[in-house]
Amino acid sequence: MATIKKKCWPEFFEKFTSGERQFELRLADFDLKSGDTLVMEEYDPAVKEYTGRTAEFGCKRVEHSAQNPLQFYSVDDVKEKGFWIIQLEKK
């Protein structure tokens, strides 16, 4: 099982840690499988710094999709790599 660290903006970090949000959509530019641990590292884009807060989540279910680019990713990256759709479970 792997541990993967990913940047997470404050508004999303709060939703993950409160349990309000249990699914994540990420550009599939890293390897991931069910059972891996995803460590969210809170990052404040306004000051361009990590806040120091982290939260660990187990990847309960992982699926791959190559559709629907969002505001965070370029169309070319999405076409090349697709997305991970991740169901998270707080550890």
PDB file of N, CA and C in Angstrom:
ATOM      1  N   MET A   1       0.830  -1.177   0.000  1.00  0.00           N
ATOM      2  CA  MET A   1       0.000   0.000   0.000  1.00  0.00           C
ATOM      3  C   MET A   1       0.884   1.254   0.000  1.00  0.00           C
ATOM      4  N   ALA A   2       0.505   2.199  -0.833  1.00  0.00           N
ATOM      5  CA  ALA A   2       1.281   3.428  -0.972  1.00  0.00           C
ATOM      6  C   ALA A   2       0.646   4.576  -0.187  1.00  0.00           C
ATOM      7  N   THR A   3       1.471   5.561   0.149  1.00  0.00           N
ATOM      8  CA  THR A   3       1.005   6.813   0.745  1.00  0.00           C
ATOM      9  C   THR A   3       1.304   7.920  -0.241  1.00  0.00           C
ATOM     10  N   ILE A   4       0.266   8.658  -0.619  1.00  0.00           N
ATOM     11  CA  ILE A   4       0.400   9.719  -1.611  1.00  0.00           C
ATOM     12  C   ILE A   4       0.015  11.037  -0.956  1.00  0.00           C
ATOM     13  N   LYS A   5       0.851  12.061  -1.102  1.00  0.00           N
ATOM     14  CA  LYS A   5       0.569  13.384  -0.555  1.00  0.00           C
ATOM     15  C   LYS A   5       0.077  14.289  -1.672  1.00  0.00           C
ATOM     16  N   LYS A   6      -1.014  15.026  -1.377  1.00  0.00           N
ATOM     17  CA  LYS A   6      -1.585  15.942  -2.360  1.00  0.00           C
ATOM     18  C   LYS A   6      -1.966  17.261  -1.709  1.00  0.00           C
ATOM     19  N   LYS A   7      -1.787  18.325  -2.453  1.00  0.00           N
ATOM     20  CA  LYS A   7      -2.158  19.669  -2.045  1.00  0.00           C
ATOM     21  C   LYS A   7      -3.685  19.762  -2.011  1.00  0.00           C
ATOM     22  N   CYS A   8      -4.219  20.486  -1.013  1.00  0.00           N
ATOM     23  CA  CYS A   8      -5.667  20.647  -0.890  1.00  0.00           C
ATOM     24  C   CYS A   8      -5.976  22.067  -0.416  1.00  0.00           C
ATOM     25  N   TRP A   9      -6.803  22.786  -1.151  1.00  0.00           N
ATOM     26  CA  TRP A   9      -7.160  24.152  -0.782  1.00  0.00           C
ATOM     27  C   TRP A   9      -8.035  24.147   0.463  1.00  0.00           C
ATOM     28  N   PRO A  10      -7.988  25.219   1.272  1.00  0.00           N
ATOM     29  CA  PRO A  10      -8.695  25.255   2.559  1.00  0.00           C
ATOM     30  C   PRO A  10     -10.179  24.900   2.515  1.00  0.00           C
ATOM     31  N   GLU A  11     -10.925  25.417   1.558  1.00  0.00           N
ATOM     32  CA  GLU A  11     -12.366  25.144   1.532  1.00  0.00           C
ATOM     33  C   GLU A  11     -12.661  23.662   1.308  1.00  0.00           C
ATOM     34  N   PHE A  12     -11.822  22.991   0.530  1.00  0.00           N
ATOM     35  CA  PHE A  12     -11.995  21.558   0.300  1.00  0.00           C
ATOM     36  C   PHE A  12     -11.464  20.759   1.490  1.00  0.00           C
ATOM     37  N   PHE A  13     -10.361  21.206   2.076  1.00  0.00           N
ATOM     38  CA  PHE A  13      -9.774  20.540   3.240  1.00  0.00           C
ATOM     39  C   PHE A  13     -10.808  20.452   4.365  1.00  0.00           C
ATOM     40  N   GLU A  14     -11.507  21.560   4.628  1.00  0.00           N
ATOM     41  CA  GLU A  14     -12.531  21.588   5.680  1.00  0.00           C
ATOM     42  C   GLU A  14     -13.638  20.579   5.402  1.00  0.00           C
ATOM     43  N   LYS A  15     -14.064  20.486   4.154  1.00  0.00           N
ATOM     44  CA  LYS A  15     -15.135  19.551   3.804  1.00  0.00           C
ATOM     45  C   LYS A  15     -14.689  18.102   3.944  1.00  0.00           C
ATOM     46  N   PHE A  16     -13.448  17.814   3.608  1.00  0.00           N
ATOM     47  CA  PHE A  16     -12.929  16.453   3.770  1.00  0.00           C
ATOM     48  C   PHE A  16     -12.815  16.092   5.246  1.00  0.00           C
ATOM     49  N   THR A  17     -12.223  16.987   6.042  1.00  0.00           N
ATOM     50  CA  THR A  17     -11.991  16.659   7.445  1.00  0.00           C
ATOM     51  C   THR A  17     -13.287  16.588   8.243  1.00  0.00           C
ATOM     52  N   SER A  18     -14.314  17.324   7.836  1.00  0.00           N
ATOM     53  CA  SER A  18     -15.599  17.268   8.544  1.00  0.00           C
ATOM     54  C   SER A  18     -16.420  16.045   8.130  1.00  0.00           C
ATOM     55  N   GLY A  19     -16.020  15.403   7.023  1.00  0.00           N
ATOM     56  CA  GLY A  19     -16.768  14.255   6.518  1.00  0.00           C
ATOM     57  C   GLY A  19     -17.868  14.644   5.555  1.00  0.00           C
ATOM     58  N   GLU A  20     -18.032  15.959   5.321  1.00  0.00           N
ATOM     59  CA  GLU A  20     -19.057  16.429   4.389  1.00  0.00           C
ATOM     60  C   GLU A  20     -18.772  15.962   2.960  1.00  0.00           C
ATOM     61  N   ARG A  21     -17.509  15.896   2.616  1.00  0.00           N
ATOM     62  CA  ARG A  21     -17.095  15.467   1.278  1.00  0.00           C
ATOM     63  C   ARG A  21     -16.318  14.162   1.403  1.00  0.00           C
ATOM     64  N   GLN A  22     -16.756  13.146   0.666  1.00  0.00           N
ATOM     65  CA  GLN A  22     -16.121  11.838   0.754  1.00  0.00           C
ATOM     66  C   GLN A  22     -15.604  11.332  -0.588  1.00  0.00           C
ATOM     67  N   PHE A  23     -15.759  12.136  -1.632  1.00  0.00           N
ATOM     68  CA  PHE A  23     -15.250  11.766  -2.948  1.00  0.00           C
ATOM     69  C   PHE A  23     -14.330  12.861  -3.440  1.00  0.00           C
ATOM     70  N   GLU A  24     -13.333  12.479  -4.202  1.00  0.00           N
ATOM     71  CA  GLU A  24     -12.385  13.434  -4.762  1.00  0.00           C
ATOM     72  C   GLU A  24     -12.145  13.088  -6.216  1.00  0.00           C
ATOM     73  N   LEU A  25     -11.992  14.115  -7.028  1.00  0.00           N
ATOM     74  CA  LEU A  25     -11.676  13.977  -8.441  1.00  0.00           C
ATOM     75  C   LEU A  25     -10.308  14.617  -8.641  1.00  0.00           C
ATOM     76  N   ARG A  26      -9.339  13.835  -9.086  1.00  0.00           N
ATOM     77  CA  ARG A  26      -7.965  14.320  -9.269  1.00  0.00           C
ATOM     78  C   ARG A  26      -7.435  13.928 -10.630  1.00  0.00           C
ATOM     79  N   LEU A  27      -6.588  14.773 -11.193  1.00  0.00           N
ATOM     80  CA  LEU A  27      -5.886  14.434 -12.419  1.00  0.00           C
ATOM     81  C   LEU A  27      -5.087  13.163 -12.163  1.00  0.00           C
ATOM     82  N   ALA A  28      -5.178  12.204 -13.052  1.00  0.00           N
ATOM     83  CA  ALA A  28      -4.513  10.910 -12.866  1.00  0.00           C
ATOM     84  C   ALA A  28      -3.043  10.976 -13.296  1.00  0.00           C
ATOM     85  N   ASP A  29      -2.292  11.894 -12.666  1.00  0.00           N
ATOM     86  CA  ASP A  29      -0.867  12.043 -12.970  1.00  0.00           C
ATOM     87  C   ASP A  29      -0.006  11.350 -11.907  1.00  0.00           C
ATOM     88  N   PHE A  30      -0.619  10.407 -11.172  1.00  0.00           N
ATOM     89  CA  PHE A  30       0.091   9.617 -10.159  1.00  0.00           C
ATOM     90  C   PHE A  30      -0.584   8.248 -10.093  1.00  0.00           C
ATOM     91  N   ASP A  31       0.158   7.248  -9.595  1.00  0.00           N
ATOM     92  CA  ASP A  31      -0.402   5.907  -9.440  1.00  0.00           C
ATOM     93  C   ASP A  31      -1.239   5.856  -8.171  1.00  0.00           C
ATOM     94  N   LEU A  32      -2.354   5.116  -8.226  1.00  0.00           N
ATOM     95  CA  LEU A  32      -3.257   5.020  -7.093  1.00  0.00           C
ATOM     96  C   LEU A  32      -4.082   3.758  -7.208  1.00  0.00           C
ATOM     97  N   LYS A  33      -4.342   3.119  -6.063  1.00  0.00           N
ATOM     98  CA  LYS A  33      -5.229   1.955  -6.066  1.00  0.00           C
ATOM     99  C   LYS A  33      -5.980   1.899  -4.747  1.00  0.00           C
ATOM    100  N   SER A  34      -7.064   1.148  -4.709  1.00  0.00           N
ATOM    101  CA  SER A  34      -7.827   0.972  -3.478  1.00  0.00           C
ATOM    102  C   SER A  34      -6.900   0.451  -2.395  1.00  0.00           C
ATOM    103  N   GLY A  35      -7.060   0.994  -1.188  1.00  0.00           N
ATOM    104  CA  GLY A  35      -6.224   0.595  -0.065  1.00  0.00           C
ATOM    105  C   GLY A  35      -5.061   1.534   0.184  1.00  0.00           C
ATOM    106  N   ASP A  36      -4.714   2.372  -0.799  1.00  0.00           N
ATOM    107  CA  ASP A  36      -3.651   3.353  -0.598  1.00  0.00           C
ATOM    108  C   ASP A  36      -4.123   4.427   0.378  1.00  0.00           C
ATOM    109  N   THR A  37      -3.174   5.190   0.915  1.00  0.00           N
ATOM    110  CA  THR A  37      -3.482   6.299   1.812  1.00  0.00           C
ATOM    111  C   THR A  37      -3.212   7.603   1.083  1.00  0.00           C
ATOM    112  N   LEU A  38      -4.204   8.495   1.106  1.00  0.00           N
ATOM    113  CA  LEU A  38      -4.060   9.815   0.510  1.00  0.00           C
ATOM    114  C   LEU A  38      -3.938  10.819   1.654  1.00  0.00           C
ATOM    115  N   VAL A  39      -2.809  11.548   1.690  1.00  0.00           N
ATOM    116  CA  VAL A  39      -2.578  12.561   2.718  1.00  0.00           C
ATOM    117  C   VAL A  39      -2.865  13.917   2.081  1.00  0.00           C
ATOM    118  N   MET A  40      -3.895  14.581   2.575  1.00  0.00           N
ATOM    119  CA  MET A  40      -4.228  15.919   2.098  1.00  0.00           C
ATOM    120  C   MET A  40      -3.419  16.918   2.916  1.00  0.00           C
ATOM    121  N   GLU A  41      -2.669  17.778   2.220  1.00  0.00           N
ATOM    122  CA  GLU A  41      -1.888  18.826   2.867  1.00  0.00           C
ATOM    123  C   GLU A  41      -2.539  20.159   2.515  1.00  0.00           C
ATOM    124  N   GLU A  42      -3.072  20.828   3.527  1.00  0.00           N
ATOM    125  CA  GLU A  42      -3.786  22.081   3.271  1.00  0.00           C
ATOM    126  C   GLU A  42      -2.824  23.131   2.725  1.00  0.00           C
ATOM    127  N   TYR A  43      -3.248  23.763   1.631  1.00  0.00           N
ATOM    128  CA  TYR A  43      -2.434  24.772   0.949  1.00  0.00           C
ATOM    129  C   TYR A  43      -3.301  26.004   0.721  1.00  0.00           C
ATOM    130  N   ASP A  44      -2.807  27.168   1.105  1.00  0.00           N
ATOM    131  CA  ASP A  44      -3.548  28.410   0.919  1.00  0.00           C
ATOM    132  C   ASP A  44      -3.053  29.111  -0.349  1.00  0.00           C
ATOM    133  N   PRO A  45      -3.848  29.100  -1.426  1.00  0.00           N
ATOM    134  CA  PRO A  45      -3.403  29.712  -2.682  1.00  0.00           C
ATOM    135  C   PRO A  45      -3.265  31.231  -2.594  1.00  0.00           C
ATOM    136  N   ALA A  46      -3.933  31.860  -1.642  1.00  0.00           N
ATOM    137  CA  ALA A  46      -3.851  33.316  -1.502  1.00  0.00           C
ATOM    138  C   ALA A  46      -2.447  33.756  -1.088  1.00  0.00           C
ATOM    139  N   VAL A  47      -1.808  32.958  -0.234  1.00  0.00           N
ATOM    140  CA  VAL A  47      -0.449  33.300   0.219  1.00  0.00           C
ATOM    141  C   VAL A  47       0.604  32.358  -0.360  1.00  0.00           C
ATOM    142  N   LYS A  48       0.138  31.368  -1.127  1.00  0.00           N
ATOM    143  CA  LYS A  48       1.014  30.398  -1.794  1.00  0.00           C
ATOM    144  C   LYS A  48       1.908  29.656  -0.804  1.00  0.00           C
ATOM    145  N   GLU A  49       1.274  29.167   0.284  1.00  0.00           N
ATOM    146  CA  GLU A  49       2.005  28.428   1.316  1.00  0.00           C
ATOM    147  C   GLU A  49       1.138  27.312   1.876  1.00  0.00           C
ATOM    148  N   TYR A  50       1.807  26.264   2.344  1.00  0.00           N
ATOM    149  CA  TYR A  50       1.122  25.212   3.082  1.00  0.00           C
ATOM    150  C   TYR A  50       0.818  25.729   4.481  1.00  0.00           C
ATOM    151  N   THR A  51      -0.316  25.331   5.047  1.00  0.00           N
ATOM    152  CA  THR A  51      -0.714  25.798   6.377  1.00  0.00           C
ATOM    153  C   THR A  51      -0.119  24.939   7.486  1.00  0.00           C
ATOM    154  N   GLY A  52       0.324  23.737   7.148  1.00  0.00           N
ATOM    155  CA  GLY A  52       0.845  22.809   8.147  1.00  0.00           C
ATOM    156  C   GLY A  52      -0.186  21.774   8.578  1.00  0.00           C
ATOM    157  N   ARG A  53      -1.449  21.972   8.197  1.00  0.00           N
ATOM    158  CA  ARG A  53      -2.480  20.995   8.555  1.00  0.00           C
ATOM    159  C   ARG A  53      -2.518  19.878   7.515  1.00  0.00           C
ATOM    160  N   THR A  54      -2.625  18.640   7.999  1.00  0.00           N
ATOM    161  CA  THR A  54      -2.739  17.486   7.118  1.00  0.00           C
ATOM    162  C   THR A  54      -3.842  16.574   7.637  1.00  0.00           C
ATOM    163  N   ALA A  55      -4.360  15.736   6.754  1.00  0.00           N
ATOM    164  CA  ALA A  55      -5.352  14.732   7.129  1.00  0.00           C
ATOM    165  C   ALA A  55      -5.131  13.508   6.250  1.00  0.00           C
ATOM    166  N   GLU A  56      -5.226  12.324   6.861  1.00  0.00           N
ATOM    167  CA  GLU A  56      -5.030  11.071   6.124  1.00  0.00           C
ATOM    168  C   GLU A  56      -6.367  10.420   5.827  1.00  0.00           C
ATOM    169  N   PHE A  57      -6.467   9.897   4.605  1.00  0.00           N
ATOM    170  CA  PHE A  57      -7.673   9.213   4.167  1.00  0.00           C
ATOM    171  C   PHE A  57      -7.293   7.910   3.489  1.00  0.00           C
ATOM    172  N   GLY A  58      -8.060   6.894   3.761  1.00  0.00           N
ATOM    173  CA  GLY A  58      -7.896   5.641   3.048  1.00  0.00           C
ATOM    174  C   GLY A  58      -8.651   5.734   1.736  1.00  0.00           C
ATOM    175  N   CYS A  59      -8.064   5.220   0.667  1.00  0.00           N
ATOM    176  CA  CYS A  59      -8.737   5.206  -0.641  1.00  0.00           C
ATOM    177  C   CYS A  59      -9.577   3.939  -0.692  1.00  0.00           C
ATOM    178  N   LYS A  60     -10.842   4.111  -0.438  1.00  0.00           N
ATOM    179  CA  LYS A  60     -11.767   2.992  -0.321  1.00  0.00           C
ATOM    180  C   LYS A  60     -12.115   2.415  -1.685  1.00  0.00           C
ATOM    181  N   ARG A  61     -12.348   3.279  -2.638  1.00  0.00           N
ATOM    182  CA  ARG A  61     -12.662   2.847  -3.995  1.00  0.00           C
ATOM    183  C   ARG A  61     -12.011   3.831  -4.962  1.00  0.00           C
ATOM    184  N   VAL A  62     -11.414   3.310  -6.016  1.00  0.00           N
ATOM    185  CA  VAL A  62     -10.713   4.147  -6.989  1.00  0.00           C
ATOM    186  C   VAL A  62     -11.174   3.753  -8.386  1.00  0.00           C
ATOM    187  N   GLU A  63     -11.548   4.738  -9.169  1.00  0.00           N
ATOM    188  CA  GLU A  63     -11.940   4.503 -10.561  1.00  0.00           C
ATOM    189  C   GLU A  63     -11.202   5.496 -11.446  1.00  0.00           C
ATOM    190  N   HIS A  64     -11.031   5.128 -12.693  1.00  0.00           N
ATOM    191  CA  HIS A  64     -10.351   6.003 -13.649  1.00  0.00           C
ATOM    192  C   HIS A  64     -11.356   6.476 -14.687  1.00  0.00           C
ATOM    193  N   SER A  65     -11.288   7.758 -15.029  1.00  0.00           N
ATOM    194  CA  SER A  65     -12.174   8.343 -16.034  1.00  0.00           C
ATOM    195  C   SER A  65     -11.356   9.305 -16.883  1.00  0.00           C
ATOM    196  N   ALA A  66     -11.746   9.453 -18.127  1.00  0.00           N
ATOM    197  CA  ALA A  66     -11.036  10.377 -19.023  1.00  0.00           C
ATOM    198  C   ALA A  66     -11.983  11.452 -19.546  1.00  0.00           C
ATOM    199  N   GLN A  67     -12.886  11.933 -18.696  1.00  0.00           N
ATOM    200  CA  GLN A  67     -13.889  12.902 -19.130  1.00  0.00           C
ATOM    201  C   GLN A  67     -13.898  14.146 -18.251  1.00  0.00           C
ATOM    202  N   ASN A  68     -14.522  15.198 -18.753  1.00  0.00           N
ATOM    203  CA  ASN A  68     -14.856  16.423 -18.024  1.00  0.00           C
ATOM    204  C   ASN A  68     -13.693  17.180 -17.379  1.00  0.00           C
ATOM    205  N   PRO A  69     -12.962  18.001 -18.120  1.00  0.00           N
ATOM    206  CA  PRO A  69     -11.935  18.831 -17.506  1.00  0.00           C
ATOM    207  C   PRO A  69     -12.567  19.856 -16.563  1.00  0.00           C
ATOM    208  N   LEU A  70     -11.895  20.149 -15.460  1.00  0.00           N
ATOM    209  CA  LEU A  70     -12.362  21.147 -14.506  1.00  0.00           C
ATOM    210  C   LEU A  70     -11.431  22.341 -14.511  1.00  0.00           C
ATOM    211  N   GLN A  71     -11.712  23.322 -13.692  1.00  0.00           N
ATOM    212  CA  GLN A  71     -10.944  24.565 -13.670  1.00  0.00           C
ATOM    213  C   GLN A  71      -9.487  24.385 -13.273  1.00  0.00           C
ATOM    214  N   PHE A  72      -9.144  23.298 -12.581  1.00  0.00           N
ATOM    215  CA  PHE A  72      -7.789  23.131 -12.070  1.00  0.00           C
ATOM    216  C   PHE A  72      -6.818  22.511 -13.074  1.00  0.00           C
ATOM    217  N   TYR A  73      -7.319  21.920 -14.151  1.00  0.00           N
ATOM    218  CA  TYR A  73      -6.468  21.149 -15.051  1.00  0.00           C
ATOM    219  C   TYR A  73      -6.628  21.616 -16.494  1.00  0.00           C
ATOM    220  N   SER A  74      -5.557  21.507 -17.246  1.00  0.00           N
ATOM    221  CA  SER A  74      -5.633  21.874 -18.662  1.00  0.00           C
ATOM    222  C   SER A  74      -6.306  20.751 -19.445  1.00  0.00           C
ATOM    223  N   VAL A  75      -6.931  21.092 -20.534  1.00  0.00           N
ATOM    224  CA  VAL A  75      -7.604  20.110 -21.384  1.00  0.00           C
ATOM    225  C   VAL A  75      -6.595  19.082 -21.889  1.00  0.00           C
ATOM    226  N   ASP A  76      -5.389  19.527 -22.238  1.00  0.00           N
ATOM    227  CA  ASP A  76      -4.363  18.610 -22.731  1.00  0.00           C
ATOM    228  C   ASP A  76      -3.976  17.581 -21.674  1.00  0.00           C
ATOM    229  N   ASP A  77      -3.815  18.025 -20.411  1.00  0.00           N
ATOM    230  CA  ASP A  77      -3.480  17.083 -19.338  1.00  0.00           C
ATOM    231  C   ASP A  77      -4.597  16.062 -19.135  1.00  0.00           C
ATOM    232  N   VAL A  78      -5.831  16.524 -19.182  1.00  0.00           N
ATOM    233  CA  VAL A  78      -6.965  15.608 -18.994  1.00  0.00           C
ATOM    234  C   VAL A  78      -7.030  14.601 -20.132  1.00  0.00           C
ATOM    235  N   LYS A  79      -6.829  15.067 -21.348  1.00  0.00           N
ATOM    236  CA  LYS A  79      -6.851  14.145 -22.494  1.00  0.00           C
ATOM    237  C   LYS A  79      -5.743  13.101 -22.386  1.00  0.00           C
ATOM    238  N   GLU A  80      -4.584  13.505 -21.896  1.00  0.00           N
ATOM    239  CA  GLU A  80      -3.439  12.595 -21.788  1.00  0.00           C
ATOM    240  C   GLU A  80      -3.575  11.627 -20.612  1.00  0.00           C
ATOM    241  N   LYS A  81      -4.017  12.138 -19.450  1.00  0.00           N
ATOM    242  CA  LYS A  81      -3.958  11.341 -18.222  1.00  0.00           C
ATOM    243  C   LYS A  81      -5.299  10.886 -17.671  1.00  0.00           C
ATOM    244  N   GLY A  82      -6.372  11.625 -17.951  1.00  0.00           N
ATOM    245  CA  GLY A  82      -7.666  11.306 -17.372  1.00  0.00           C
ATOM    246  C   GLY A  82      -7.738  11.761 -15.920  1.00  0.00           C
ATOM    247  N   PHE A  83      -8.736  11.249 -15.176  1.00  0.00           N
ATOM    248  CA  PHE A  83      -8.957  11.595 -13.776  1.00  0.00           C
ATOM    249  C   PHE A  83      -9.002  10.354 -12.917  1.00  0.00           C
ATOM    250  N   TRP A  84      -8.674  10.532 -11.638  1.00  0.00           N
ATOM    251  CA  TRP A  84      -8.991   9.536 -10.615  1.00  0.00           C
ATOM    252  C   TRP A  84     -10.270  10.001  -9.947  1.00  0.00           C
ATOM    253  N   ILE A  85     -11.205   9.105  -9.729  1.00  0.00           N
ATOM    254  CA  ILE A  85     -12.382   9.362  -8.912  1.00  0.00           C
ATOM    255  C   ILE A  85     -12.186   8.507  -7.667  1.00  0.00           C
ATOM    256  N   ILE A  86     -12.033   9.148  -6.508  1.00  0.00           N
ATOM    257  CA  ILE A  86     -11.587   8.472  -5.299  1.00  0.00           C
ATOM    258  C   ILE A  86     -12.634   8.589  -4.199  1.00  0.00           C
ATOM    259  N   GLN A  87     -13.066   7.466  -3.647  1.00  0.00           N
ATOM    260  CA  GLN A  87     -13.913   7.491  -2.461  1.00  0.00           C
ATOM    261  C   GLN A  87     -12.994   7.417  -1.256  1.00  0.00           C
ATOM    262  N   LEU A  88     -13.101   8.420  -0.367  1.00  0.00           N
ATOM    263  CA  LEU A  88     -12.199   8.534   0.770  1.00  0.00           C
ATOM    264  C   LEU A  88     -12.873   8.121   2.071  1.00  0.00           C
ATOM    265  N   GLU A  89     -12.053   7.602   2.964  1.00  0.00           N
ATOM    266  CA  GLU A  89     -12.512   7.195   4.289  1.00  0.00           C
ATOM    267  C   GLU A  89     -11.507   7.754   5.288  1.00  0.00           C
ATOM    268  N   LYS A  90     -11.964   8.640   6.192  1.00  0.00           N
ATOM    269  CA  LYS A  90     -11.040   9.260   7.140  1.00  0.00           C
ATOM    270  C   LYS A  90     -10.389   8.217   8.033  1.00  0.00           C
ATOM    271  N   LYS A  91      -9.071   8.343   8.205  1.00  0.00           N
ATOM    272  CA  LYS A  91      -8.313   7.402   9.050  1.00  0.00           C
ATOM    273  C   LYS A  91      -8.232   7.912  10.465  1.00  0.00           C
TER     274      LYS A  91
END
